[in-house]
Amino acid sequence: MLGEDALAVEIAQMRDLMERDWRTLDIEQDLGLGMMLWLAHFFPDEPWAEAQTRRSLRTLETMWVDPPGYFSRAPWLGDTKFAFTNYGVSLGLQAAGIWPGRIDRLNAFFEDWRSGDEYDREAITWVMACTSHLPGAFLARGGEGSIESDEPRERSSAGPVVDGSASRREGRG
């Protein structure tokens, strides 16, 4: 129902936007970075996706607060954090197939942390928590494979991300 044909206009608009702006686009907000990683994983061989993935990861690296284990809202807002936006970063990282330890840490941190504001009750927080814990339907590879190390994976023309252990299990490596 929501296949490529049904979304052809929206896909064309997104393609035009990315082709026009990807070279200068510099995202500095946690949710935007996570969603860029997620979007880019659908187009692993596109120059914009490769460049934006590198930029997003470089920026996220500066936003990681350890301990206790979360991504700040922006590089200059180290103490500002939102559960639902961190869950969006988690989805992006899982789509890119990297930093599983950080994904585990942020999921564990936000299990007990509460902001004390409306986001503790807002559905978006809980919906995004579900996508962080159960991302399969949102991933190009349908949730197959596993994330086993904090090292970046190699991209492959056969799919969005190559995980050596998954390749060995499937007889490809």
N, C-alpha and C. Protein backbone atom coordinates (compact mmCIF):
# COMPACT_ATOMS: atom_id res chain seq x y z
N MET A 1 0.81 -1.20 0.00
CA MET A 1 0.00 0.00 0.00
C MET A 1 0.86 1.26 0.00
N LEU A 2 1.98 1.22 0.69
CA LEU A 2 2.88 2.36 0.72
C LEU A 2 4.19 2.03 0.01
N GLY A 3 4.09 1.32 -1.08
CA GLY A 3 5.27 0.97 -1.85
C GLY A 3 5.81 2.16 -2.62
N GLU A 4 6.82 1.87 -3.42
CA GLU A 4 7.49 2.92 -4.18
C GLU A 4 6.53 3.67 -5.10
N ASP A 5 5.59 2.94 -5.73
CA ASP A 5 4.64 3.60 -6.63
C ASP A 5 3.74 4.57 -5.88
N ALA A 6 3.25 4.17 -4.71
CA ALA A 6 2.35 5.02 -3.93
C ALA A 6 3.06 6.27 -3.43
N LEU A 7 4.36 6.18 -3.23
CA LEU A 7 5.13 7.30 -2.70
C LEU A 7 6.03 7.95 -3.76
N ALA A 8 5.75 7.73 -5.02
CA ALA A 8 6.62 8.21 -6.10
C ALA A 8 6.85 9.71 -6.04
N VAL A 9 5.81 10.48 -5.78
CA VAL A 9 5.95 11.94 -5.72
C VAL A 9 6.86 12.34 -4.57
N GLU A 10 6.63 11.75 -3.39
CA GLU A 10 7.44 12.07 -2.22
C GLU A 10 8.89 11.64 -2.40
N ILE A 11 9.10 10.47 -2.99
CA ILE A 11 10.45 9.99 -3.24
C ILE A 11 11.18 10.92 -4.21
N ALA A 12 10.49 11.36 -5.24
CA ALA A 12 11.09 12.30 -6.21
C ALA A 12 11.43 13.62 -5.54
N GLN A 13 10.56 14.11 -4.66
CA GLN A 13 10.84 15.36 -3.95
C GLN A 13 12.06 15.21 -3.04
N MET A 14 12.15 14.08 -2.34
CA MET A 14 13.29 13.85 -1.45
C MET A 14 14.57 13.73 -2.27
N ARG A 15 14.51 13.05 -3.39
CA ARG A 15 15.69 12.92 -4.26
C ARG A 15 16.16 14.29 -4.74
N ASP A 16 15.21 15.13 -5.18
CA ASP A 16 15.56 16.48 -5.63
C ASP A 16 16.19 17.29 -4.51
N LEU A 17 15.62 17.21 -3.32
CA LEU A 17 16.15 17.93 -2.17
C LEU A 17 17.57 17.47 -1.85
N MET A 18 17.79 16.18 -1.83
CA MET A 18 19.12 15.66 -1.50
C MET A 18 20.12 16.04 -2.58
N GLU A 19 19.75 15.91 -3.84
CA GLU A 19 20.67 16.26 -4.92
C GLU A 19 21.05 17.74 -4.88
N ARG A 20 20.12 18.56 -4.48
CA ARG A 20 20.37 20.01 -4.44
C ARG A 20 21.25 20.40 -3.25
N ASP A 21 21.05 19.78 -2.09
CA ASP A 21 21.63 20.29 -0.85
C ASP A 21 22.64 19.40 -0.12
N TRP A 22 22.86 18.18 -0.54
CA TRP A 22 23.66 17.26 0.27
C TRP A 22 25.10 17.71 0.48
N ARG A 23 25.66 18.43 -0.46
CA ARG A 23 27.06 18.82 -0.34
C ARG A 23 27.31 19.82 0.79
N THR A 24 26.32 20.63 1.08
CA THR A 24 26.49 21.66 2.12
C THR A 24 25.67 21.39 3.38
N LEU A 25 24.84 20.38 3.36
CA LEU A 25 23.98 20.06 4.50
C LEU A 25 24.83 19.58 5.67
N ASP A 26 24.71 20.26 6.80
CA ASP A 26 25.46 19.91 8.01
C ASP A 26 24.48 19.89 9.16
N ILE A 27 24.04 18.72 9.55
CA ILE A 27 23.03 18.54 10.60
C ILE A 27 23.73 18.54 11.95
N GLU A 28 23.14 19.23 12.93
CA GLU A 28 23.74 19.30 14.26
C GLU A 28 22.76 18.96 15.37
N GLN A 29 21.70 18.26 15.04
CA GLN A 29 20.69 17.90 16.03
C GLN A 29 20.55 16.38 16.05
N ASP A 30 20.41 15.82 17.24
CA ASP A 30 20.43 14.38 17.41
C ASP A 30 19.41 13.64 16.53
N LEU A 31 18.16 14.02 16.57
CA LEU A 31 17.14 13.31 15.80
C LEU A 31 17.39 13.44 14.30
N GLY A 32 17.77 14.61 13.84
CA GLY A 32 18.08 14.81 12.43
C GLY A 32 19.23 13.94 11.98
N LEU A 33 20.24 13.78 12.83
CA LEU A 33 21.38 12.92 12.50
C LEU A 33 20.96 11.45 12.41
N GLY A 34 20.16 11.02 13.37
CA GLY A 34 19.68 9.65 13.34
C GLY A 34 18.81 9.37 12.13
N MET A 35 17.94 10.32 11.79
CA MET A 35 17.07 10.12 10.63
C MET A 35 17.84 10.19 9.32
N MET A 36 18.92 10.98 9.28
CA MET A 36 19.76 11.00 8.08
C MET A 36 20.44 9.65 7.90
N LEU A 37 20.96 9.08 8.99
CA LEU A 37 21.56 7.75 8.89
C LEU A 37 20.55 6.73 8.40
N TRP A 38 19.34 6.82 8.92
CA TRP A 38 18.28 5.89 8.52
C TRP A 38 17.95 6.06 7.03
N LEU A 39 17.76 7.30 6.60
CA LEU A 39 17.44 7.55 5.19
C LEU A 39 18.58 7.09 4.28
N ALA A 40 19.81 7.38 4.66
CA ALA A 40 20.96 7.04 3.83
C ALA A 40 21.12 5.53 3.66
N HIS A 41 20.68 4.76 4.63
CA HIS A 41 20.89 3.31 4.52
C HIS A 41 20.07 2.68 3.41
N PHE A 42 19.05 3.37 2.94
CA PHE A 42 18.27 2.86 1.82
C PHE A 42 18.99 3.07 0.48
N PHE A 43 19.98 3.94 0.46
CA PHE A 43 20.69 4.31 -0.76
C PHE A 43 22.21 4.22 -0.54
N PRO A 44 22.73 3.07 -0.16
CA PRO A 44 24.13 2.97 0.28
C PRO A 44 25.17 3.35 -0.75
N ASP A 45 24.82 3.28 -2.02
CA ASP A 45 25.82 3.57 -3.05
C ASP A 45 25.72 4.99 -3.60
N GLU A 46 24.79 5.77 -3.11
CA GLU A 46 24.64 7.15 -3.56
C GLU A 46 25.71 8.02 -2.89
N PRO A 47 26.35 8.91 -3.64
CA PRO A 47 27.37 9.79 -3.04
C PRO A 47 26.84 10.61 -1.87
N TRP A 48 25.62 11.10 -1.97
CA TRP A 48 25.06 11.89 -0.87
C TRP A 48 24.91 11.05 0.39
N ALA A 49 24.51 9.79 0.24
CA ALA A 49 24.31 8.92 1.40
C ALA A 49 25.64 8.62 2.08
N GLU A 50 26.65 8.35 1.28
CA GLU A 50 27.98 8.08 1.85
C GLU A 50 28.51 9.30 2.58
N ALA A 51 28.39 10.47 1.97
CA ALA A 51 28.90 11.71 2.60
C ALA A 51 28.11 12.05 3.85
N GLN A 52 26.79 11.94 3.79
CA GLN A 52 25.98 12.29 4.94
C GLN A 52 26.16 11.29 6.09
N THR A 53 26.39 10.03 5.76
CA THR A 53 26.66 9.05 6.81
C THR A 53 27.95 9.41 7.53
N ARG A 54 29.01 9.71 6.78
CA ARG A 54 30.28 10.10 7.41
C ARG A 54 30.10 11.34 8.28
N ARG A 55 29.42 12.37 7.75
CA ARG A 55 29.21 13.61 8.52
C ARG A 55 28.39 13.35 9.78
N SER A 56 27.34 12.58 9.63
CA SER A 56 26.46 12.30 10.78
C SER A 56 27.22 11.58 11.88
N LEU A 57 28.00 10.58 11.51
CA LEU A 57 28.75 9.84 12.52
C LEU A 57 29.82 10.71 13.18
N ARG A 58 30.47 11.54 12.41
CA ARG A 58 31.48 12.45 12.97
C ARG A 58 30.82 13.39 14.00
N THR A 59 29.67 13.93 13.68
CA THR A 59 28.98 14.83 14.61
C THR A 59 28.47 14.07 15.82
N LEU A 60 27.87 12.91 15.60
CA LEU A 60 27.37 12.11 16.73
C LEU A 60 28.50 11.74 17.68
N GLU A 61 29.68 11.49 17.16
CA GLU A 61 30.82 11.16 18.01
C GLU A 61 31.06 12.27 19.04
N THR A 62 30.89 13.52 18.64
CA THR A 62 31.10 14.64 19.56
C THR A 62 29.95 14.80 20.55
N MET A 63 28.84 14.15 20.30
CA MET A 63 27.65 14.31 21.13
C MET A 63 27.45 13.17 22.12
N TRP A 64 28.28 12.15 22.06
CA TRP A 64 28.15 11.00 22.95
C TRP A 64 28.61 11.39 24.35
N VAL A 65 27.75 11.21 25.33
CA VAL A 65 28.04 11.54 26.73
C VAL A 65 28.19 10.22 27.48
N ASP A 66 29.45 9.95 27.88
CA ASP A 66 29.76 8.68 28.51
C ASP A 66 30.71 8.90 29.67
N PRO A 67 30.34 8.56 30.90
CA PRO A 67 29.01 8.10 31.27
C PRO A 67 28.01 9.25 31.27
N PRO A 68 26.77 8.94 31.27
CA PRO A 68 26.11 7.66 31.52
C PRO A 68 25.76 6.88 30.26
N GLY A 69 25.76 7.50 29.09
CA GLY A 69 25.48 6.77 27.86
C GLY A 69 24.26 7.28 27.12
N TYR A 70 24.38 8.47 26.55
CA TYR A 70 23.33 9.03 25.70
C TYR A 70 23.96 10.03 24.74
N PHE A 71 23.18 10.44 23.74
CA PHE A 71 23.62 11.48 22.82
C PHE A 71 22.96 12.79 23.24
N SER A 72 23.77 13.84 23.33
CA SER A 72 23.21 15.15 23.68
C SER A 72 22.39 15.67 22.50
N ARG A 73 21.59 16.68 22.76
CA ARG A 73 20.70 17.23 21.73
C ARG A 73 21.49 17.83 20.57
N ALA A 74 22.62 18.46 20.86
CA ALA A 74 23.48 19.10 19.86
C ALA A 74 24.90 19.12 20.43
N PRO A 75 25.90 19.30 19.59
CA PRO A 75 27.28 19.29 20.10
C PRO A 75 27.53 20.26 21.25
N TRP A 76 26.87 21.37 21.28
CA TRP A 76 27.09 22.38 22.31
C TRP A 76 26.10 22.27 23.48
N LEU A 77 25.26 21.22 23.49
CA LEU A 77 24.26 21.03 24.54
C LEU A 77 24.47 19.70 25.26
N GLY A 78 25.65 19.53 25.84
CA GLY A 78 26.03 18.25 26.44
C GLY A 78 25.11 17.71 27.51
N ASP A 79 24.43 18.58 28.24
CA ASP A 79 23.54 18.13 29.31
C ASP A 79 22.09 17.98 28.85
N THR A 80 21.78 18.38 27.64
CA THR A 80 20.40 18.32 27.14
C THR A 80 20.18 17.01 26.41
N LYS A 81 19.16 16.28 26.85
CA LYS A 81 18.88 14.97 26.26
C LYS A 81 17.38 14.74 26.24
N PHE A 82 16.95 14.01 25.22
CA PHE A 82 15.55 13.61 25.08
C PHE A 82 15.55 12.12 24.76
N ALA A 83 14.70 11.39 25.42
CA ALA A 83 14.62 9.95 25.16
C ALA A 83 14.21 9.69 23.72
N PHE A 84 13.14 10.33 23.25
CA PHE A 84 12.64 9.98 21.92
C PHE A 84 13.63 10.31 20.82
N THR A 85 14.43 11.36 20.98
CA THR A 85 15.40 11.68 19.94
C THR A 85 16.58 10.71 19.99
N ASN A 86 16.97 10.27 21.19
CA ASN A 86 18.02 9.26 21.29
C ASN A 86 17.56 7.94 20.67
N TYR A 87 16.29 7.62 20.83
CA TYR A 87 15.77 6.42 20.19
C TYR A 87 15.83 6.56 18.66
N GLY A 88 15.65 7.77 18.15
CA GLY A 88 15.80 8.02 16.72
C GLY A 88 17.24 7.85 16.27
N VAL A 89 18.18 8.30 17.09
CA VAL A 89 19.60 8.07 16.79
C VAL A 89 19.86 6.57 16.77
N SER A 90 19.30 5.86 17.74
CA SER A 90 19.47 4.41 17.80
C SER A 90 19.01 3.74 16.51
N LEU A 91 17.85 4.14 16.01
CA LEU A 91 17.35 3.56 14.76
C LEU A 91 18.33 3.85 13.62
N GLY A 92 18.84 5.08 13.56
CA GLY A 92 19.81 5.42 12.51
C GLY A 92 21.08 4.62 12.62
N LEU A 93 21.57 4.44 13.84
CA LEU A 93 22.79 3.65 14.04
C LEU A 93 22.57 2.19 13.67
N GLN A 94 21.40 1.67 14.00
CA GLN A 94 21.11 0.29 13.64
C GLN A 94 20.98 0.15 12.12
N ALA A 95 20.42 1.15 11.47
CA ALA A 95 20.32 1.13 10.01
C ALA A 95 21.71 1.15 9.40
N ALA A 96 22.63 1.92 9.99
CA ALA A 96 24.00 1.99 9.50
C ALA A 96 24.82 0.79 9.94
N GLY A 97 24.33 0.06 10.93
CA GLY A 97 25.02 -1.14 11.40
C GLY A 97 26.25 -0.86 12.23
N ILE A 98 26.21 0.19 13.05
CA ILE A 98 27.39 0.52 13.86
C ILE A 98 27.03 0.85 15.30
N TRP A 99 28.03 0.89 16.13
CA TRP A 99 27.98 1.28 17.54
C TRP A 99 26.91 0.54 18.35
N PRO A 100 26.85 -0.77 18.28
CA PRO A 100 25.83 -1.49 19.04
C PRO A 100 25.98 -1.30 20.55
N GLY A 101 27.21 -1.13 21.02
CA GLY A 101 27.40 -0.89 22.45
C GLY A 101 26.75 0.41 22.90
N ARG A 102 26.83 1.41 22.08
CA ARG A 102 26.20 2.69 22.40
C ARG A 102 24.67 2.57 22.34
N ILE A 103 24.18 1.80 21.40
CA ILE A 103 22.74 1.56 21.31
C ILE A 103 22.27 0.89 22.59
N ASP A 104 22.97 -0.13 23.03
CA ASP A 104 22.61 -0.82 24.27
C ASP A 104 22.67 0.13 25.46
N ARG A 105 23.72 0.96 25.51
CA ARG A 105 23.88 1.88 26.63
C ARG A 105 22.76 2.90 26.67
N LEU A 106 22.40 3.48 25.52
CA LEU A 106 21.34 4.49 25.55
C LEU A 106 20.00 3.85 25.86
N ASN A 107 19.74 2.65 25.35
CA ASN A 107 18.49 1.97 25.70
C ASN A 107 18.42 1.70 27.20
N ALA A 108 19.52 1.25 27.78
CA ALA A 108 19.55 1.00 29.23
C ALA A 108 19.37 2.29 30.01
N PHE A 109 20.04 3.35 29.59
CA PHE A 109 19.93 4.64 30.29
C PHE A 109 18.49 5.13 30.32
N PHE A 110 17.83 5.10 29.15
CA PHE A 110 16.48 5.66 29.08
C PHE A 110 15.40 4.73 29.61
N GLU A 111 15.75 3.50 29.98
CA GLU A 111 14.78 2.62 30.63
C GLU A 111 14.31 3.23 31.96
N ASP A 112 15.23 3.85 32.68
CA ASP A 112 14.91 4.39 34.00
C ASP A 112 14.88 5.91 34.07
N TRP A 113 15.53 6.59 33.15
CA TRP A 113 15.60 8.05 33.19
C TRP A 113 14.27 8.66 32.78
N ARG A 114 13.84 9.67 33.52
CA ARG A 114 12.62 10.40 33.18
C ARG A 114 12.94 11.89 33.17
N SER A 115 12.38 12.58 32.20
CA SER A 115 12.64 14.01 32.04
C SER A 115 11.85 14.85 33.03
N GLY A 116 10.73 14.32 33.51
CA GLY A 116 9.89 15.09 34.42
C GLY A 116 8.98 16.07 33.68
N ASP A 117 8.92 15.96 32.36
CA ASP A 117 8.04 16.85 31.60
C ASP A 117 7.05 16.02 30.78
N GLU A 118 6.38 16.68 29.85
CA GLU A 118 5.35 16.01 29.06
C GLU A 118 5.89 14.86 28.20
N TYR A 119 7.17 14.87 27.88
CA TYR A 119 7.72 13.80 27.05
C TYR A 119 7.70 12.44 27.75
N ASP A 120 7.62 12.45 29.08
CA ASP A 120 7.49 11.18 29.80
C ASP A 120 6.15 10.51 29.47
N ARG A 121 5.16 11.30 29.10
CA ARG A 121 3.82 10.79 28.82
C ARG A 121 3.47 10.75 27.34
N GLU A 122 4.20 11.48 26.51
CA GLU A 122 3.87 11.59 25.09
C GLU A 122 4.11 10.26 24.37
N ALA A 123 3.18 9.93 23.49
CA ALA A 123 3.26 8.68 22.74
C ALA A 123 4.54 8.58 21.92
N ILE A 124 5.04 9.72 21.39
CA ILE A 124 6.22 9.67 20.54
C ILE A 124 7.41 9.03 21.26
N THR A 125 7.53 9.27 22.55
CA THR A 125 8.63 8.68 23.31
C THR A 125 8.52 7.17 23.30
N TRP A 126 7.35 6.65 23.52
CA TRP A 126 7.16 5.21 23.63
C TRP A 126 7.18 4.53 22.26
N VAL A 127 6.68 5.21 21.23
CA VAL A 127 6.76 4.68 19.87
C VAL A 127 8.23 4.58 19.45
N MET A 128 8.99 5.64 19.72
CA MET A 128 10.40 5.63 19.35
C MET A 128 11.18 4.60 20.18
N ALA A 129 10.79 4.38 21.42
CA ALA A 129 11.44 3.33 22.22
C ALA A 129 11.24 1.97 21.55
N CYS A 130 10.04 1.74 21.05
CA CYS A 130 9.77 0.47 20.36
C CYS A 130 10.63 0.34 19.11
N THR A 131 10.81 1.43 18.35
CA THR A 131 11.64 1.33 17.14
C THR A 131 13.10 1.09 17.50
N SER A 132 13.55 1.61 18.63
CA SER A 132 14.92 1.39 19.06
C SER A 132 15.14 -0.06 19.45
N HIS A 133 14.19 -0.61 20.18
CA HIS A 133 14.32 -1.99 20.64
C HIS A 133 13.97 -3.02 19.57
N LEU A 134 13.06 -2.67 18.65
CA LEU A 134 12.59 -3.60 17.62
C LEU A 134 12.59 -2.91 16.26
N PRO A 135 13.76 -2.65 15.69
CA PRO A 135 13.84 -1.83 14.47
C PRO A 135 13.55 -2.56 13.16
N GLY A 136 13.40 -3.87 13.20
CA GLY A 136 13.36 -4.69 12.00
C GLY A 136 12.53 -4.15 10.84
N ALA A 137 11.30 -3.77 11.07
CA ALA A 137 10.43 -3.32 9.98
C ALA A 137 10.90 -2.01 9.37
N PHE A 138 11.76 -1.29 10.07
CA PHE A 138 12.23 0.01 9.60
C PHE A 138 13.57 -0.07 8.87
N LEU A 139 14.12 -1.26 8.78
CA LEU A 139 15.44 -1.43 8.18
C LEU A 139 15.32 -2.06 6.80
N ALA A 140 16.18 -1.62 5.90
CA ALA A 140 16.17 -2.13 4.53
C ALA A 140 16.38 -3.64 4.50
N ARG A 141 17.16 -4.15 5.43
CA ARG A 141 17.44 -5.58 5.46
C ARG A 141 16.43 -6.32 6.32
N GLY A 142 15.37 -5.64 6.76
CA GLY A 142 14.30 -6.29 7.50
C GLY A 142 14.70 -6.83 8.85
N GLY A 143 15.74 -6.25 9.43
CA GLY A 143 16.16 -6.66 10.76
C GLY A 143 17.03 -7.90 10.78
N GLU A 144 17.42 -8.42 9.61
CA GLU A 144 18.26 -9.61 9.58
C GLU A 144 19.69 -9.25 9.97
N GLY A 145 20.42 -10.24 10.35
CA GLY A 145 21.81 -10.01 10.73
C GLY A 145 21.90 -9.53 12.17
N SER A 146 23.10 -9.27 12.60
CA SER A 146 23.27 -8.82 13.97
C SER A 146 24.34 -7.75 14.01
N ILE A 147 24.33 -7.04 15.09
CA ILE A 147 25.33 -6.01 15.33
C ILE A 147 26.17 -6.52 16.49
N GLU A 148 27.45 -6.74 16.23
CA GLU A 148 28.27 -7.39 17.24
C GLU A 148 29.45 -6.58 17.74
N SER A 149 29.79 -5.47 17.09
CA SER A 149 30.93 -4.69 17.57
C SER A 149 30.67 -3.21 17.37
N ASP A 150 31.50 -2.38 17.99
CA ASP A 150 31.36 -0.94 17.83
C ASP A 150 32.14 -0.42 16.63
N GLU A 151 32.71 -1.31 15.84
CA GLU A 151 33.46 -0.91 14.67
C GLU A 151 32.52 -0.71 13.48
N PRO A 152 32.75 0.32 12.67
CA PRO A 152 31.94 0.51 11.47
C PRO A 152 32.06 -0.69 10.55
N ARG A 153 30.99 -0.98 9.84
CA ARG A 153 30.98 -2.09 8.90
C ARG A 153 31.26 -1.58 7.51
N GLU A 154 31.68 -2.47 6.65
CA GLU A 154 31.92 -2.10 5.26
C GLU A 154 30.60 -2.13 4.50
N ARG A 155 30.45 -1.18 3.60
CA ARG A 155 29.27 -1.17 2.74
C ARG A 155 29.52 -2.13 1.59
N SER A 156 28.44 -2.67 1.06
CA SER A 156 28.53 -3.62 -0.02
C SER A 156 27.51 -3.30 -1.09
N SER A 157 27.84 -3.59 -2.33
CA SER A 157 26.87 -3.38 -3.39
C SER A 157 25.71 -4.36 -3.29
N ALA A 158 25.88 -5.43 -2.51
CA ALA A 158 24.82 -6.42 -2.35
C ALA A 158 23.76 -5.98 -1.36
N GLY A 159 24.03 -4.99 -0.53
CA GLY A 159 23.07 -4.57 0.47
C GLY A 159 23.58 -3.38 1.23
N PRO A 160 22.79 -2.88 2.17
CA PRO A 160 23.14 -1.65 2.86
C PRO A 160 24.36 -1.76 3.75
N VAL A 161 24.54 -2.88 4.44
CA VAL A 161 25.65 -3.00 5.36
C VAL A 161 26.10 -4.45 5.36
N VAL A 162 27.39 -4.65 5.42
CA VAL A 162 27.91 -6.01 5.48
C VAL A 162 28.39 -6.25 6.89
N ASP A 163 27.92 -7.29 7.49
CA ASP A 163 28.36 -7.71 8.81
C ASP A 163 29.06 -9.04 8.61
N GLY A 164 30.33 -9.12 8.94
CA GLY A 164 31.09 -10.32 8.68
C GLY A 164 30.49 -11.56 9.29
N SER A 165 29.96 -11.46 10.52
CA SER A 165 29.39 -12.65 11.15
C SER A 165 28.14 -13.11 10.42
N ALA A 166 27.32 -12.17 9.96
CA ALA A 166 26.12 -12.55 9.20
C ALA A 166 26.52 -13.17 7.88
N SER A 167 27.58 -12.64 7.25
CA SER A 167 28.05 -13.21 5.99
C SER A 167 28.53 -14.63 6.18
N ARG A 168 29.25 -14.88 7.27
CA ARG A 168 29.73 -16.24 7.54
C ARG A 168 28.56 -17.18 7.77
N ARG A 169 27.55 -16.73 8.52
CA ARG A 169 26.39 -17.59 8.79
C ARG A 169 25.65 -17.92 7.50
N GLU A 170 25.65 -16.99 6.54
CA GLU A 170 24.92 -17.19 5.30
C GLU A 170 25.82 -17.78 4.21
N GLY A 171 27.04 -18.15 4.55
CA GLY A 171 27.94 -18.77 3.59
C GLY A 171 28.57 -17.82 2.58
N ARG A 172 28.60 -16.51 2.89
CA ARG A 172 29.18 -15.56 1.95
C ARG A 172 30.58 -15.13 2.36
N GLY A 173 31.09 -15.57 3.47
CA GLY A 173 32.40 -15.04 3.85
C GLY A 173 33.27 -15.99 4.50
